[in-house]
């Protein structure tokens, strides 16, 4: 039950970034998105991933790696769309 709760929490946290990724790709607009939020999220998620490896908890590792991926996409889009101005 505890592992399933962790998997569900990780899944929901990860997919919470999907609407923003989709919107950003469609609108090609991220002016209101703070780059420091993305950088700090990626650093924090990376630390969570390291923690997950240290305590050998696959739900923490998987969820944070997936969320890092989505945040990296947002960071790349933020930089790309800023350069296009």
PDB file of N, CA and C in Angstrom:
ATOM      1  N   UNK A   1       0.819  -1.204   0.000  1.00  0.00           N
ATOM      2  CA  UNK A   1       0.000   0.000   0.000  1.00  0.00           C
ATOM      3  C   UNK A   1       0.860   1.265   0.000  1.00  0.00           C
ATOM      4  N   UNK A   2       1.947   1.262   0.736  1.00  0.00           N
ATOM      5  CA  UNK A   2       2.809   2.440   0.806  1.00  0.00           C
ATOM      6  C   UNK A   2       3.484   2.690  -0.539  1.00  0.00           C
ATOM      7  N   UNK A   3       3.959   1.624  -1.178  1.00  0.00           N
ATOM      8  CA  UNK A   3       4.616   1.767  -2.480  1.00  0.00           C
ATOM      9  C   UNK A   3       3.633   2.297  -3.521  1.00  0.00           C
ATOM     10  N   UNK A   4       2.403   1.810  -3.498  1.00  0.00           N
ATOM     11  CA  UNK A   4       1.385   2.258  -4.438  1.00  0.00           C
ATOM     12  C   UNK A   4       1.063   3.736  -4.226  1.00  0.00           C
ATOM     13  N   UNK A   5       1.019   4.157  -2.976  1.00  0.00           N
ATOM     14  CA  UNK A   5       0.776   5.564  -2.664  1.00  0.00           C
ATOM     15  C   UNK A   5       1.900   6.429  -3.241  1.00  0.00           C
ATOM     16  N   UNK A   6       3.125   5.978  -3.085  1.00  0.00           N
ATOM     17  CA  UNK A   6       4.272   6.691  -3.643  1.00  0.00           C
ATOM     18  C   UNK A   6       4.217   6.768  -5.158  1.00  0.00           C
ATOM     19  N   UNK A   7       3.844   5.668  -5.793  1.00  0.00           N
ATOM     20  CA  UNK A   7       3.720   5.652  -7.252  1.00  0.00           C
ATOM     21  C   UNK A   7       2.632   6.612  -7.731  1.00  0.00           C
ATOM     22  N   UNK A   8       1.497   6.610  -7.039  1.00  0.00           N
ATOM     23  CA  UNK A   8       0.401   7.509  -7.404  1.00  0.00           C
ATOM     24  C   UNK A   8       0.811   8.971  -7.224  1.00  0.00           C
ATOM     25  N   UNK A   9       1.441   9.272  -6.110  1.00  0.00           N
ATOM     26  CA  UNK A   9       1.896  10.647  -5.862  1.00  0.00           C
ATOM     27  C   UNK A   9       2.891  11.086  -6.930  1.00  0.00           C
ATOM     28  N   UNK A  10       3.822  10.224  -7.257  1.00  0.00           N
ATOM     29  CA  UNK A  10       4.804  10.543  -8.287  1.00  0.00           C
ATOM     30  C   UNK A  10       4.169  10.733  -9.650  1.00  0.00           C
ATOM     31  N   UNK A  11       3.222   9.873  -9.980  1.00  0.00           N
ATOM     32  CA  UNK A  11       2.532   9.958 -11.265  1.00  0.00           C
ATOM     33  C   UNK A  11       1.770  11.274 -11.391  1.00  0.00           C
ATOM     34  N   UNK A  12       1.012  11.617 -10.351  1.00  0.00           N
ATOM     35  CA  UNK A  12       0.221  12.848 -10.386  1.00  0.00           C
ATOM     36  C   UNK A  12       1.107  14.088 -10.434  1.00  0.00           C
ATOM     37  N   UNK A  13       2.186  14.072  -9.676  1.00  0.00           N
ATOM     38  CA  UNK A  13       3.114  15.201  -9.689  1.00  0.00           C
ATOM     39  C   UNK A  13       3.740  15.358 -11.071  1.00  0.00           C
ATOM     40  N   UNK A  14       4.110  14.256 -11.663  1.00  0.00           N
ATOM     41  CA  UNK A  14       4.746  14.297 -12.981  1.00  0.00           C
ATOM     42  C   UNK A  14       3.788  14.811 -14.044  1.00  0.00           C
ATOM     43  N   UNK A  15       2.587  14.252 -14.101  1.00  0.00           N
ATOM     44  CA  UNK A  15       1.660  14.664 -15.162  1.00  0.00           C
ATOM     45  C   UNK A  15       1.144  16.085 -14.958  1.00  0.00           C
ATOM     46  N   UNK A  16       1.326  16.647 -13.774  1.00  0.00           N
ATOM     47  CA  UNK A  16       0.886  18.025 -13.552  1.00  0.00           C
ATOM     48  C   UNK A  16       1.643  19.003 -14.450  1.00  0.00           C
ATOM     49  N   UNK A  17       2.810  18.617 -14.943  1.00  0.00           N
ATOM     50  CA  UNK A  17       3.586  19.484 -15.829  1.00  0.00           C
ATOM     51  C   UNK A  17       3.199  19.323 -17.300  1.00  0.00           C
ATOM     52  N   UNK A  18       2.493  18.267 -17.642  1.00  0.00           N
ATOM     53  CA  UNK A  18       2.129  18.022 -19.043  1.00  0.00           C
ATOM     54  C   UNK A  18       1.288  19.136 -19.668  1.00  0.00           C
ATOM     55  N   UNK A  19       0.258  19.651 -18.983  1.00  0.00           N
ATOM     56  CA  UNK A  19      -0.514  20.733 -19.604  1.00  0.00           C
ATOM     57  C   UNK A  19       0.342  21.952 -19.957  1.00  0.00           C
ATOM     58  N   UNK A  20       1.306  22.271 -19.115  1.00  0.00           N
ATOM     59  CA  UNK A  20       2.176  23.413 -19.405  1.00  0.00           C
ATOM     60  C   UNK A  20       3.075  23.133 -20.603  1.00  0.00           C
ATOM     61  N   UNK A  21       3.600  21.924 -20.693  1.00  0.00           N
ATOM     62  CA  UNK A  21       4.437  21.560 -21.842  1.00  0.00           C
ATOM     63  C   UNK A  21       3.619  21.662 -23.127  1.00  0.00           C
ATOM     64  N   UNK A  22       2.423  21.107 -23.120  1.00  0.00           N
ATOM     65  CA  UNK A  22       1.556  21.127 -24.305  1.00  0.00           C
ATOM     66  C   UNK A  22       1.200  22.560 -24.688  1.00  0.00           C
ATOM     67  N   UNK A  23       0.811  23.358 -23.699  1.00  0.00           N
ATOM     68  CA  UNK A  23       0.446  24.757 -23.963  1.00  0.00           C
ATOM     69  C   UNK A  23       1.631  25.527 -24.534  1.00  0.00           C
ATOM     70  N   UNK A  24       2.796  25.328 -23.964  1.00  0.00           N
ATOM     71  CA  UNK A  24       3.992  26.047 -24.419  1.00  0.00           C
ATOM     72  C   UNK A  24       4.362  25.664 -25.845  1.00  0.00           C
ATOM     73  N   UNK A  25       4.224  24.392 -26.170  1.00  0.00           N
ATOM     74  CA  UNK A  25       4.508  23.948 -27.537  1.00  0.00           C
ATOM     75  C   UNK A  25       3.507  24.534 -28.534  1.00  0.00           C
ATOM     76  N   UNK A  26       2.242  24.616 -28.133  1.00  0.00           N
ATOM     77  CA  UNK A  26       1.206  25.135 -29.030  1.00  0.00           C
ATOM     78  C   UNK A  26       1.320  26.639 -29.230  1.00  0.00           C
ATOM     79  N   UNK A  27       1.524  27.374 -28.130  1.00  0.00           N
ATOM     80  CA  UNK A  27       1.515  28.838 -28.205  1.00  0.00           C
ATOM     81  C   UNK A  27       2.878  29.439 -28.525  1.00  0.00           C
ATOM     82  N   UNK A  28       3.932  28.652 -28.310  1.00  0.00           N
ATOM     83  CA  UNK A  28       5.304  29.154 -28.468  1.00  0.00           C
ATOM     84  C   UNK A  28       5.506  30.428 -27.641  1.00  0.00           C
ATOM     85  N   UNK A  29       4.936  30.407 -26.454  1.00  0.00           N
ATOM     86  CA  UNK A  29       4.957  31.582 -25.579  1.00  0.00           C
ATOM     87  C   UNK A  29       5.222  31.136 -24.142  1.00  0.00           C
ATOM     88  N   UNK A  30       6.293  31.675 -23.564  1.00  0.00           N
ATOM     89  CA  UNK A  30       6.611  31.349 -22.166  1.00  0.00           C
ATOM     90  C   UNK A  30       7.092  32.580 -21.406  1.00  0.00           C
ATOM     91  N   UNK A  31       6.637  33.753 -21.834  1.00  0.00           N
ATOM     92  CA  UNK A  31       7.086  34.994 -21.205  1.00  0.00           C
ATOM     93  C   UNK A  31       6.777  35.049 -19.713  1.00  0.00           C
ATOM     94  N   UNK A  32       5.643  34.531 -19.316  1.00  0.00           N
ATOM     95  CA  UNK A  32       5.246  34.587 -17.909  1.00  0.00           C
ATOM     96  C   UNK A  32       5.874  33.488 -17.063  1.00  0.00           C
ATOM     97  N   UNK A  33       6.633  32.631 -17.680  1.00  0.00           N
ATOM     98  CA  UNK A  33       7.243  31.514 -16.960  1.00  0.00           C
ATOM     99  C   UNK A  33       8.636  31.921 -16.510  1.00  0.00           C
ATOM    100  N   UNK A  34       8.882  31.892 -15.211  1.00  0.00           N
ATOM    101  CA  UNK A  34      10.160  32.314 -14.651  1.00  0.00           C
ATOM    102  C   UNK A  34      11.219  31.229 -14.837  1.00  0.00           C
ATOM    103  N   UNK A  35      12.330  31.605 -15.454  1.00  0.00           N
ATOM    104  CA  UNK A  35      13.400  30.642 -15.724  1.00  0.00           C
ATOM    105  C   UNK A  35      13.991  30.089 -14.428  1.00  0.00           C
ATOM    106  N   UNK A  36      14.017  30.919 -13.375  1.00  0.00           N
ATOM    107  CA  UNK A  36      14.582  30.453 -12.097  1.00  0.00           C
ATOM    108  C   UNK A  36      13.717  29.379 -11.452  1.00  0.00           C
ATOM    109  N   UNK A  37      12.408  29.438 -11.690  1.00  0.00           N
ATOM    110  CA  UNK A  37      11.535  28.368 -11.207  1.00  0.00           C
ATOM    111  C   UNK A  37      11.962  27.043 -11.818  1.00  0.00           C
ATOM    112  N   UNK A  38      12.190  27.052 -13.123  1.00  0.00           N
ATOM    113  CA  UNK A  38      12.582  25.826 -13.818  1.00  0.00           C
ATOM    114  C   UNK A  38      13.937  25.320 -13.341  1.00  0.00           C
ATOM    115  N   UNK A  39      14.890  26.219 -13.209  1.00  0.00           N
ATOM    116  CA  UNK A  39      16.227  25.820 -12.762  1.00  0.00           C
ATOM    117  C   UNK A  39      16.172  25.237 -11.355  1.00  0.00           C
ATOM    118  N   UNK A  40      15.479  25.914 -10.456  1.00  0.00           N
ATOM    119  CA  UNK A  40      15.381  25.421  -9.074  1.00  0.00           C
ATOM    120  C   UNK A  40      14.621  24.105  -8.994  1.00  0.00           C
ATOM    121  N   UNK A  41      13.577  23.957  -9.820  1.00  0.00           N
ATOM    122  CA  UNK A  41      12.841  22.691  -9.849  1.00  0.00           C
ATOM    123  C   UNK A  41      13.743  21.553 -10.303  1.00  0.00           C
ATOM    124  N   UNK A  42      14.520  21.788 -11.347  1.00  0.00           N
ATOM    125  CA  UNK A  42      15.406  20.745 -11.867  1.00  0.00           C
ATOM    126  C   UNK A  42      16.453  20.361 -10.827  1.00  0.00           C
ATOM    127  N   UNK A  43      17.018  21.341 -10.150  1.00  0.00           N
ATOM    128  CA  UNK A  43      18.003  21.048  -9.097  1.00  0.00           C
ATOM    129  C   UNK A  43      17.342  20.268  -7.962  1.00  0.00           C
ATOM    130  N   UNK A  44      16.179  20.728  -7.512  1.00  0.00           N
ATOM    131  CA  UNK A  44      15.469  20.034  -6.437  1.00  0.00           C
ATOM    132  C   UNK A  44      15.079  18.616  -6.812  1.00  0.00           C
ATOM    133  N   UNK A  45      14.569  18.443  -8.015  1.00  0.00           N
ATOM    134  CA  UNK A  45      14.187  17.109  -8.483  1.00  0.00           C
ATOM    135  C   UNK A  45      15.399  16.199  -8.620  1.00  0.00           C
ATOM    136  N   UNK A  46      16.515  16.776  -9.027  1.00  0.00           N
ATOM    137  CA  UNK A  46      17.754  15.988  -9.122  1.00  0.00           C
ATOM    138  C   UNK A  46      18.183  15.491  -7.749  1.00  0.00           C
ATOM    139  N   UNK A  47      18.058  16.349  -6.759  1.00  0.00           N
ATOM    140  CA  UNK A  47      18.399  15.939  -5.391  1.00  0.00           C
ATOM    141  C   UNK A  47      17.447  14.854  -4.890  1.00  0.00           C
ATOM    142  N   UNK A  48      16.161  14.985  -5.220  1.00  0.00           N
ATOM    143  CA  UNK A  48      15.205  13.931  -4.862  1.00  0.00           C
ATOM    144  C   UNK A  48      15.580  12.608  -5.526  1.00  0.00           C
ATOM    145  N   UNK A  49      16.047  12.681  -6.764  1.00  0.00           N
ATOM    146  CA  UNK A  49      16.458  11.472  -7.479  1.00  0.00           C
ATOM    147  C   UNK A  49      17.649  10.817  -6.794  1.00  0.00           C
ATOM    148  N   UNK A  50      18.631  11.617  -6.425  1.00  0.00           N
ATOM    149  CA  UNK A  50      19.795  11.092  -5.697  1.00  0.00           C
ATOM    150  C   UNK A  50      19.338  10.452  -4.391  1.00  0.00           C
ATOM    151  N   UNK A  51      18.450  11.126  -3.686  1.00  0.00           N
ATOM    152  CA  UNK A  51      17.900  10.590  -2.439  1.00  0.00           C
ATOM    153  C   UNK A  51      17.212   9.249  -2.697  1.00  0.00           C
ATOM    154  N   UNK A  52      16.433   9.179  -3.769  1.00  0.00           N
ATOM    155  CA  UNK A  52      15.750   7.930  -4.120  1.00  0.00           C
ATOM    156  C   UNK A  52      16.724   6.792  -4.356  1.00  0.00           C
ATOM    157  N   UNK A  53      17.828   7.088  -5.029  1.00  0.00           N
ATOM    158  CA  UNK A  53      18.862   6.065  -5.233  1.00  0.00           C
ATOM    159  C   UNK A  53      19.498   5.655  -3.908  1.00  0.00           C
ATOM    160  N   UNK A  54      19.729   6.630  -3.046  1.00  0.00           N
ATOM    161  CA  UNK A  54      20.390   6.338  -1.770  1.00  0.00           C
ATOM    162  C   UNK A  54      19.545   5.430  -0.881  1.00  0.00           C
ATOM    163  N   UNK A  55      18.226   5.634  -0.921  1.00  0.00           N
ATOM    164  CA  UNK A  55      17.354   4.795  -0.083  1.00  0.00           C
ATOM    165  C   UNK A  55      16.713   3.660  -0.888  1.00  0.00           C
ATOM    166  N   UNK A  56      17.119   3.548  -2.137  1.00  0.00           N
ATOM    167  CA  UNK A  56      16.657   2.476  -3.027  1.00  0.00           C
ATOM    168  C   UNK A  56      15.126   2.424  -3.150  1.00  0.00           C
ATOM    169  N   UNK A  57      14.554   3.566  -3.497  1.00  0.00           N
ATOM    170  CA  UNK A  57      13.104   3.660  -3.662  1.00  0.00           C
ATOM    171  C   UNK A  57      12.771   4.000  -5.113  1.00  0.00           C
ATOM    172  N   UNK A  58      12.409   2.974  -5.849  1.00  0.00           N
ATOM    173  CA  UNK A  58      12.122   3.119  -7.269  1.00  0.00           C
ATOM    174  C   UNK A  58      11.026   4.152  -7.571  1.00  0.00           C
ATOM    175  N   UNK A  59       9.941   4.229  -6.787  1.00  0.00           N
ATOM    176  CA  UNK A  59       8.923   5.243  -7.090  1.00  0.00           C
ATOM    177  C   UNK A  59       9.484   6.669  -7.069  1.00  0.00           C
ATOM    178  N   UNK A  60      10.346   6.957  -6.132  1.00  0.00           N
ATOM    179  CA  UNK A  60      10.949   8.292  -6.046  1.00  0.00           C
ATOM    180  C   UNK A  60      11.850   8.535  -7.251  1.00  0.00           C
ATOM    181  N   UNK A  61      12.620   7.545  -7.610  1.00  0.00           N
ATOM    182  CA  UNK A  61      13.555   7.671  -8.731  1.00  0.00           C
ATOM    183  C   UNK A  61      12.802   7.891 -10.037  1.00  0.00           C
ATOM    184  N   UNK A  62      11.833   7.048 -10.318  1.00  0.00           N
ATOM    185  CA  UNK A  62      11.089   7.119 -11.580  1.00  0.00           C
ATOM    186  C   UNK A  62      10.332   8.435 -11.697  1.00  0.00           C
ATOM    187  N   UNK A  63       9.605   8.795 -10.653  1.00  0.00           N
ATOM    188  CA  UNK A  63       8.798  10.018 -10.695  1.00  0.00           C
ATOM    189  C   UNK A  63       9.668  11.245 -10.915  1.00  0.00           C
ATOM    190  N   UNK A  64      10.770  11.313 -10.225  1.00  0.00           N
ATOM    191  CA  UNK A  64      11.610  12.500 -10.340  1.00  0.00           C
ATOM    192  C   UNK A  64      12.367  12.554 -11.656  1.00  0.00           C
ATOM    193  N   UNK A  65      12.792  11.417 -12.178  1.00  0.00           N
ATOM    194  CA  UNK A  65      13.434  11.418 -13.495  1.00  0.00           C
ATOM    195  C   UNK A  65      12.454  11.873 -14.580  1.00  0.00           C
ATOM    196  N   UNK A  66      11.227  11.402 -14.493  1.00  0.00           N
ATOM    197  CA  UNK A  66      10.211  11.809 -15.472  1.00  0.00           C
ATOM    198  C   UNK A  66       9.908  13.301 -15.352  1.00  0.00           C
ATOM    199  N   UNK A  67       9.804  13.788 -14.136  1.00  0.00           N
ATOM    200  CA  UNK A  67       9.504  15.202 -13.924  1.00  0.00           C
ATOM    201  C   UNK A  67      10.677  16.082 -14.340  1.00  0.00           C
ATOM    202  N   UNK A  68      11.890  15.611 -14.113  1.00  0.00           N
ATOM    203  CA  UNK A  68      13.071  16.338 -14.598  1.00  0.00           C
ATOM    204  C   UNK A  68      12.993  16.470 -16.116  1.00  0.00           C
ATOM    205  N   UNK A  69      12.615  15.403 -16.792  1.00  0.00           N
ATOM    206  CA  UNK A  69      12.516  15.433 -18.258  1.00  0.00           C
ATOM    207  C   UNK A  69      11.542  16.508 -18.729  1.00  0.00           C
ATOM    208  N   UNK A  70      10.379  16.569 -18.099  1.00  0.00           N
ATOM    209  CA  UNK A  70       9.386  17.571 -18.488  1.00  0.00           C
ATOM    210  C   UNK A  70       9.880  18.984 -18.195  1.00  0.00           C
ATOM    211  N   UNK A  71      10.550  19.158 -17.071  1.00  0.00           N
ATOM    212  CA  UNK A  71      11.080  20.477 -16.730  1.00  0.00           C
ATOM    213  C   UNK A  71      12.224  20.883 -17.652  1.00  0.00           C
ATOM    214  N   UNK A  72      13.014  19.919 -18.093  1.00  0.00           N
ATOM    215  CA  UNK A  72      14.071  20.222 -19.064  1.00  0.00           C
ATOM    216  C   UNK A  72      13.466  20.670 -20.394  1.00  0.00           C
ATOM    217  N   UNK A  73      12.372  20.038 -20.790  1.00  0.00           N
ATOM    218  CA  UNK A  73      11.672  20.461 -22.011  1.00  0.00           C
ATOM    219  C   UNK A  73      11.214  21.906 -21.863  1.00  0.00           C
ATOM    220  N   UNK A  74      10.609  22.221 -20.718  1.00  0.00           N
ATOM    221  CA  UNK A  74      10.147  23.589 -20.484  1.00  0.00           C
ATOM    222  C   UNK A  74      11.310  24.580 -20.480  1.00  0.00           C
ATOM    223  N   UNK A  75      12.424  24.194 -19.891  1.00  0.00           N
ATOM    224  CA  UNK A  75      13.597  25.071 -19.853  1.00  0.00           C
ATOM    225  C   UNK A  75      14.126  25.332 -21.266  1.00  0.00           C
ATOM    226  N   UNK A  76      14.213  24.289 -22.068  1.00  0.00           N
ATOM    227  CA  UNK A  76      14.670  24.447 -23.457  1.00  0.00           C
ATOM    228  C   UNK A  76      13.713  25.354 -24.229  1.00  0.00           C
ATOM    229  N   UNK A  77      12.409  25.149 -24.043  1.00  0.00           N
ATOM    230  CA  UNK A  77      11.427  25.996 -24.724  1.00  0.00           C
ATOM    231  C   UNK A  77      11.539  27.445 -24.271  1.00  0.00           C
ATOM    232  N   UNK A  78      11.715  27.654 -22.985  1.00  0.00           N
ATOM    233  CA  UNK A  78      11.863  29.011 -22.444  1.00  0.00           C
ATOM    234  C   UNK A  78      13.047  29.712 -23.107  1.00  0.00           C
ATOM    235  N   UNK A  79      14.173  29.045 -23.165  1.00  0.00           N
ATOM    236  CA  UNK A  79      15.377  29.628 -23.769  1.00  0.00           C
ATOM    237  C   UNK A  79      15.173  29.849 -25.272  1.00  0.00           C
ATOM    238  N   UNK A  80      14.593  28.864 -25.941  1.00  0.00           N
ATOM    239  CA  UNK A  80      14.365  28.958 -27.388  1.00  0.00           C
ATOM    240  C   UNK A  80      13.445  30.124 -27.727  1.00  0.00           C
ATOM    241  N   UNK A  81      12.343  30.245 -27.005  1.00  0.00           N
ATOM    242  CA  UNK A  81      11.378  31.292 -27.314  1.00  0.00           C
ATOM    243  C   UNK A  81      11.900  32.671 -26.931  1.00  0.00           C
ATOM    244  N   UNK A  82      12.768  32.756 -25.932  1.00  0.00           N
ATOM    245  CA  UNK A  82      13.380  34.041 -25.576  1.00  0.00           C
ATOM    246  C   UNK A  82      14.312  34.509 -26.685  1.00  0.00           C
ATOM    247  N   UNK A  83      15.055  33.582 -27.270  1.00  0.00           N
ATOM    248  CA  UNK A  83      16.010  33.925 -28.326  1.00  0.00           C
ATOM    249  C   UNK A  83      15.302  34.367 -29.603  1.00  0.00           C
ATOM    250  N   UNK A  84      14.072  33.919 -29.798  1.00  0.00           N
ATOM    251  CA  UNK A  84      13.343  34.254 -31.021  1.00  0.00           C
ATOM    252  C   UNK A  84      12.800  35.678 -31.004  1.00  0.00           C
ATOM    253  N   UNK A  85      12.875  36.340 -29.878  1.00  0.00           N
ATOM    254  CA  UNK A  85      12.347  37.714 -29.778  1.00  0.00           C
ATOM    255  C   UNK A  85      13.334  38.731 -30.259  1.00  0.00           C
TER     256      UNK A  85
END
